N, C-alpha and C. Protein backbone atom coordinates (compact mmCIF):
# COMPACT_ATOMS: atom_id res chain seq x y z
N GLN A 1 17.29 -63.59 66.95
CA GLN A 1 17.91 -64.45 67.88
C GLN A 1 19.19 -65.09 67.19
N LYS A 2 20.27 -64.94 67.69
CA LYS A 2 21.54 -65.52 67.06
C LYS A 2 22.01 -66.52 67.97
N GLU A 3 22.43 -67.73 67.37
CA GLU A 3 23.08 -68.87 67.97
C GLU A 3 24.64 -68.73 68.12
N GLN A 4 25.10 -68.76 69.13
CA GLN A 4 26.68 -68.66 69.15
C GLN A 4 27.11 -69.89 68.76
N VAL A 5 28.29 -69.77 67.90
CA VAL A 5 29.05 -71.01 67.45
C VAL A 5 30.56 -70.83 67.59
N THR A 6 31.22 -71.79 67.96
CA THR A 6 32.68 -71.70 68.21
C THR A 6 33.29 -72.38 67.03
N PRO A 7 33.97 -71.64 66.09
CA PRO A 7 34.57 -72.51 64.97
C PRO A 7 35.81 -73.43 65.30
N ARG A 8 36.08 -74.27 64.45
CA ARG A 8 37.21 -75.17 64.61
C ARG A 8 38.29 -74.56 63.86
N ARG A 9 39.57 -74.39 64.51
CA ARG A 9 40.76 -73.81 63.77
C ARG A 9 41.40 -74.73 62.86
N LEU A 10 41.66 -74.26 61.75
CA LEU A 10 42.40 -75.10 60.76
C LEU A 10 43.87 -74.48 60.48
N SER A 11 44.61 -75.20 59.81
CA SER A 11 45.85 -74.60 59.62
C SER A 11 45.84 -73.21 58.71
N GLY A 12 46.84 -72.54 58.86
CA GLY A 12 46.90 -71.37 57.96
C GLY A 12 46.00 -70.16 58.49
N GLY A 13 45.56 -70.25 59.71
CA GLY A 13 44.72 -69.25 60.23
C GLY A 13 43.31 -69.34 59.86
N GLN A 14 42.91 -70.42 59.25
CA GLN A 14 41.45 -70.65 58.76
C GLN A 14 40.55 -71.06 59.85
N TYR A 15 39.32 -70.86 59.84
CA TYR A 15 38.34 -71.23 60.91
C TYR A 15 37.20 -71.97 59.94
N VAL A 16 36.53 -73.03 60.55
CA VAL A 16 35.33 -73.58 59.73
C VAL A 16 34.27 -73.78 60.92
N VAL A 17 33.09 -73.65 60.37
CA VAL A 17 31.91 -73.87 61.16
C VAL A 17 30.91 -74.77 60.23
N TRP A 18 30.29 -75.68 60.90
CA TRP A 18 29.30 -76.46 60.21
C TRP A 18 27.88 -76.01 60.96
N LEU A 19 27.16 -75.17 60.23
CA LEU A 19 25.83 -74.89 60.62
C LEU A 19 24.79 -75.87 60.33
N ASP A 20 24.01 -76.41 61.34
CA ASP A 20 23.27 -77.58 61.03
C ASP A 20 21.80 -77.31 60.75
N ALA A 21 21.40 -76.11 60.50
CA ALA A 21 20.03 -75.89 60.21
C ALA A 21 19.88 -74.49 59.70
N GLU A 22 18.69 -74.02 59.23
CA GLU A 22 18.35 -72.71 58.87
C GLU A 22 18.51 -71.89 60.12
N GLY A 23 19.02 -70.67 60.11
CA GLY A 23 19.03 -69.63 61.21
C GLY A 23 20.12 -68.64 61.12
N THR A 24 20.37 -68.01 62.28
CA THR A 24 21.25 -66.85 62.27
C THR A 24 22.25 -67.23 63.40
N TYR A 25 23.47 -67.22 62.93
CA TYR A 25 24.52 -67.80 63.88
C TYR A 25 25.70 -66.76 64.02
N GLN A 26 26.33 -66.50 65.16
CA GLN A 26 27.28 -65.59 65.45
C GLN A 26 28.71 -66.34 65.90
N CYS A 27 29.72 -66.06 65.29
CA CYS A 27 31.02 -66.82 65.52
C CYS A 27 31.58 -66.10 66.86
N SER A 28 31.90 -66.98 67.90
CA SER A 28 32.27 -66.37 69.05
C SER A 28 33.58 -65.84 69.19
N LEU A 29 34.43 -66.17 67.95
CA LEU A 29 35.82 -65.59 68.12
C LEU A 29 35.97 -64.39 67.13
N THR A 30 35.21 -64.24 66.10
CA THR A 30 35.41 -63.13 65.17
C THR A 30 34.30 -62.07 65.21
N GLY A 31 33.14 -62.49 65.82
CA GLY A 31 31.94 -61.67 65.70
C GLY A 31 31.14 -61.73 64.48
N LEU A 32 31.60 -62.46 63.45
CA LEU A 32 30.87 -62.51 62.11
C LEU A 32 29.55 -63.18 62.44
N ILE A 33 28.49 -62.78 61.63
CA ILE A 33 27.08 -63.30 61.91
C ILE A 33 26.79 -63.74 60.41
N PHE A 34 26.37 -65.08 60.40
CA PHE A 34 25.94 -65.74 59.18
C PHE A 34 24.42 -65.97 59.30
N GLU A 35 23.69 -65.71 58.14
CA GLU A 35 22.37 -66.22 58.16
C GLU A 35 22.23 -67.08 56.97
N VAL A 36 21.71 -68.17 57.28
CA VAL A 36 21.51 -69.44 56.38
C VAL A 36 20.26 -69.83 56.29
N THR A 37 20.05 -70.66 55.05
CA THR A 37 18.70 -71.19 54.69
C THR A 37 18.54 -72.68 55.07
N ARG A 38 19.85 -73.36 55.24
CA ARG A 38 19.77 -74.71 55.50
C ARG A 38 21.21 -75.15 56.05
N ALA A 39 21.43 -76.24 56.48
CA ALA A 39 22.72 -76.77 56.83
C ALA A 39 23.84 -76.42 55.86
N VAL A 40 24.93 -75.94 56.25
CA VAL A 40 26.11 -75.63 55.39
C VAL A 40 27.32 -75.58 56.19
N LYS A 41 28.48 -75.68 55.40
CA LYS A 41 29.78 -75.46 56.10
C LYS A 41 30.38 -74.29 55.45
N ILE A 42 30.93 -73.37 56.40
CA ILE A 42 31.54 -72.18 56.05
C ILE A 42 32.94 -72.05 56.45
N THR A 43 33.89 -71.67 55.59
CA THR A 43 35.35 -71.57 56.06
C THR A 43 35.70 -70.04 55.86
N TYR A 44 36.37 -69.56 56.72
CA TYR A 44 36.76 -68.11 56.63
C TYR A 44 38.05 -67.84 57.47
N SER A 45 38.74 -66.87 57.03
CA SER A 45 40.06 -66.47 57.70
C SER A 45 40.29 -64.87 57.63
N LEU A 46 41.06 -64.45 58.41
CA LEU A 46 41.44 -62.98 58.47
C LEU A 46 42.53 -62.75 57.67
N LEU A 47 42.60 -61.79 56.92
CA LEU A 47 43.66 -61.44 55.75
C LEU A 47 44.45 -60.21 56.25
N SER A 48 45.49 -60.04 55.70
CA SER A 48 46.40 -58.85 56.17
C SER A 48 46.08 -57.75 55.04
N TRP A 49 45.85 -56.50 55.61
CA TRP A 49 45.55 -55.38 54.85
C TRP A 49 46.94 -55.07 53.89
N SER A 50 48.02 -55.54 54.29
CA SER A 50 49.30 -55.02 53.63
C SER A 50 49.25 -55.46 52.23
N LYS A 51 48.50 -56.46 51.90
CA LYS A 51 48.36 -56.90 50.49
C LYS A 51 47.50 -56.24 49.75
N TYR A 52 46.44 -55.60 50.35
CA TYR A 52 45.24 -54.92 49.79
C TYR A 52 45.28 -53.42 49.90
N ALA A 53 45.95 -52.85 50.81
CA ALA A 53 45.87 -51.48 51.14
C ALA A 53 45.93 -50.46 49.92
N SER A 54 46.72 -50.90 48.84
CA SER A 54 47.18 -50.04 47.98
C SER A 54 45.66 -49.81 46.81
N HIS A 55 44.79 -50.80 47.10
CA HIS A 55 43.50 -50.72 46.35
C HIS A 55 42.55 -49.74 47.05
N VAL A 56 42.84 -49.22 48.30
CA VAL A 56 41.95 -48.29 48.96
C VAL A 56 42.36 -46.89 48.79
N GLU A 57 41.53 -46.27 47.92
CA GLU A 57 41.78 -44.85 47.44
C GLU A 57 41.08 -43.80 48.34
N LYS A 58 41.87 -42.68 48.48
CA LYS A 58 41.22 -41.49 49.29
C LYS A 58 39.91 -41.14 48.72
N PRO A 59 38.98 -40.78 49.53
CA PRO A 59 39.00 -40.48 50.97
C PRO A 59 38.73 -41.76 51.73
N TRP A 60 38.80 -42.99 51.25
CA TRP A 60 38.44 -44.15 52.03
C TRP A 60 39.90 -44.48 52.75
N ILE A 61 39.89 -45.20 53.91
CA ILE A 61 41.01 -45.61 54.70
C ILE A 61 40.61 -47.00 55.21
N VAL A 62 41.75 -47.62 55.49
CA VAL A 62 41.68 -49.07 56.06
C VAL A 62 40.99 -48.84 57.41
N GLY A 63 40.03 -49.53 57.84
CA GLY A 63 39.25 -49.18 58.98
C GLY A 63 38.89 -50.52 59.77
N GLY A 64 39.31 -51.73 59.39
CA GLY A 64 38.67 -52.87 60.15
C GLY A 64 39.33 -54.18 59.56
N PRO A 65 38.74 -55.16 60.21
CA PRO A 65 39.37 -56.50 59.75
C PRO A 65 38.88 -56.83 58.37
N LEU A 66 39.83 -57.69 57.64
CA LEU A 66 39.54 -58.04 56.10
C LEU A 66 39.28 -59.57 56.34
N PHE A 67 38.20 -60.02 55.82
CA PHE A 67 37.75 -61.54 55.81
C PHE A 67 37.76 -61.97 54.52
N ASP A 68 38.08 -63.35 54.54
CA ASP A 68 38.06 -64.13 53.20
C ASP A 68 36.99 -65.38 53.57
N VAL A 69 35.89 -65.38 53.03
CA VAL A 69 34.67 -66.25 53.49
C VAL A 69 34.44 -67.11 52.25
N HIS A 70 34.23 -68.45 52.53
CA HIS A 70 33.90 -69.39 51.57
C HIS A 70 32.72 -70.29 52.04
N CYS A 71 31.91 -70.61 51.25
CA CYS A 71 30.67 -71.36 51.63
C CYS A 71 30.41 -72.52 50.65
N ASP A 72 30.25 -73.73 51.15
CA ASP A 72 30.06 -74.85 50.13
C ASP A 72 28.88 -74.77 49.37
N SER A 73 27.89 -73.96 49.73
CA SER A 73 26.69 -73.56 48.86
C SER A 73 26.34 -72.07 49.04
N ALA A 74 26.72 -71.41 47.95
CA ALA A 74 26.67 -69.95 48.00
C ALA A 74 25.15 -69.41 48.23
N SER A 75 24.17 -70.15 47.67
CA SER A 75 22.88 -69.68 47.63
C SER A 75 22.16 -69.92 49.08
N THR A 76 22.83 -70.74 49.82
CA THR A 76 22.39 -71.06 51.23
C THR A 76 22.71 -69.93 52.17
N LEU A 77 23.83 -69.38 51.92
CA LEU A 77 24.38 -68.19 52.75
C LEU A 77 23.63 -66.83 52.26
N THR A 78 22.59 -66.37 53.06
CA THR A 78 21.98 -65.18 52.52
C THR A 78 22.44 -63.93 52.97
N SER A 79 23.21 -63.90 54.03
CA SER A 79 23.85 -62.70 54.55
C SER A 79 24.99 -62.92 55.54
N ILE A 80 25.91 -61.93 55.45
CA ILE A 80 26.97 -61.94 56.38
C ILE A 80 26.94 -60.55 57.13
N GLN A 81 26.99 -60.42 58.26
CA GLN A 81 27.12 -59.25 59.02
C GLN A 81 28.71 -59.16 59.61
N PHE A 82 29.30 -58.04 59.30
CA PHE A 82 30.67 -58.09 59.69
C PHE A 82 30.73 -57.21 60.79
N PRO A 83 31.70 -57.50 61.82
CA PRO A 83 31.97 -56.76 63.04
C PRO A 83 32.55 -55.35 62.52
N HIS A 84 32.23 -54.36 63.36
CA HIS A 84 32.95 -53.05 63.15
C HIS A 84 33.36 -52.41 64.38
N SER A 85 34.24 -51.42 64.30
CA SER A 85 34.56 -50.51 65.42
C SER A 85 34.40 -49.19 65.30
N VAL A 86 34.40 -48.53 66.25
CA VAL A 86 34.11 -47.01 66.27
C VAL A 86 35.40 -46.39 67.03
N CYS A 87 36.00 -45.40 66.46
CA CYS A 87 37.06 -44.76 67.19
C CYS A 87 36.55 -43.61 68.11
N LEU A 88 36.61 -43.64 69.28
CA LEU A 88 36.10 -42.89 70.26
C LEU A 88 37.19 -41.85 70.60
N GLY A 89 38.33 -41.83 70.31
CA GLY A 89 39.32 -40.88 70.47
C GLY A 89 39.20 -39.64 69.65
N GLY A 90 39.47 -38.54 70.22
CA GLY A 90 39.53 -37.15 69.27
C GLY A 90 38.80 -37.15 68.14
């Protein structure tokens, strides 16, 4: 069971959520899912692939959003599930 959370928007395209207890939470704006062991503050943002695309070598291709995630207690954040997409065309 995931609890929906709506982040607060910060300057520079960043988001912040304060998760108040152990559990699994899903961001209502980005689809990111955070699993935490206790209360924690998580700050995250979407990055542009233009800065990092040169690091992606064939056969790999850029295929989804790129996130920058920071947690005030790294050991508290036990997993992040990233949203994904599927190309249904041809």
